[in-house]
Amino acid sequence: MLESFRYVNIFETKGLEYLLLICFLLLLVALVRYMRPRGR
């Protein structure tokens, strides 16, 4: 029963992790720009 959890396709998980990381960083940059006080 435990053997079904052993196999993980590294390339699929890495691609998903990179997509999530890129989306998170883009949202973080947008949030920082939004929260910054307005210039002149």
Protein backbone atom coordinates (compact mmCIF):
# COMPACT_ATOMS: atom_id res chain seq x y z
CA MET A 1 0.00 0.00 0.00
CA LEU A 2 2.88 2.37 0.72
CA GLU A 3 4.51 1.71 -2.66
CA SER A 4 1.88 3.78 -4.48
CA PHE A 5 3.25 6.91 -2.78
CA ARG A 6 6.89 6.15 -3.61
CA TYR A 7 6.88 7.14 -7.27
CA VAL A 8 6.86 10.87 -7.90
CA ASN A 9 7.63 12.39 -11.28
CA ILE A 10 10.24 15.02 -10.44
CA PHE A 11 9.74 17.03 -13.62
CA GLU A 12 5.98 17.38 -13.14
CA THR A 13 6.28 18.48 -9.53
CA LYS A 14 9.14 20.86 -10.27
CA GLY A 15 7.18 22.49 -13.09
CA LEU A 16 4.20 22.99 -10.79
CA GLU A 17 6.42 24.38 -8.03
CA TYR A 18 8.08 26.82 -10.42
CA LEU A 19 4.69 28.01 -11.70
CA LEU A 20 3.47 28.58 -8.15
CA LEU A 21 6.69 30.38 -7.25
CA ILE A 22 6.48 32.69 -10.26
CA CYS A 23 2.83 33.52 -9.52
CA PHE A 24 3.67 34.18 -5.86
CA LEU A 25 6.55 36.49 -6.76
CA LEU A 26 4.42 38.42 -9.26
CA LEU A 27 1.69 38.88 -6.67
CA LEU A 28 4.27 39.98 -4.11
CA VAL A 29 5.71 42.61 -6.47
CA ALA A 30 2.20 43.88 -7.26
CA LEU A 31 1.36 44.06 -3.55
CA VAL A 32 4.55 45.97 -2.73
CA ARG A 33 3.90 48.46 -5.53
CA TYR A 34 0.31 48.89 -4.34
CA MET A 35 1.27 49.40 -0.68
CA ARG A 36 4.04 51.90 -1.42
CA PRO A 37 3.11 55.53 -0.74
CA ARG A 38 2.38 57.51 -3.85
CA GLY A 39 5.09 59.76 -5.26
CA ARG A 40 4.60 63.34 -6.31
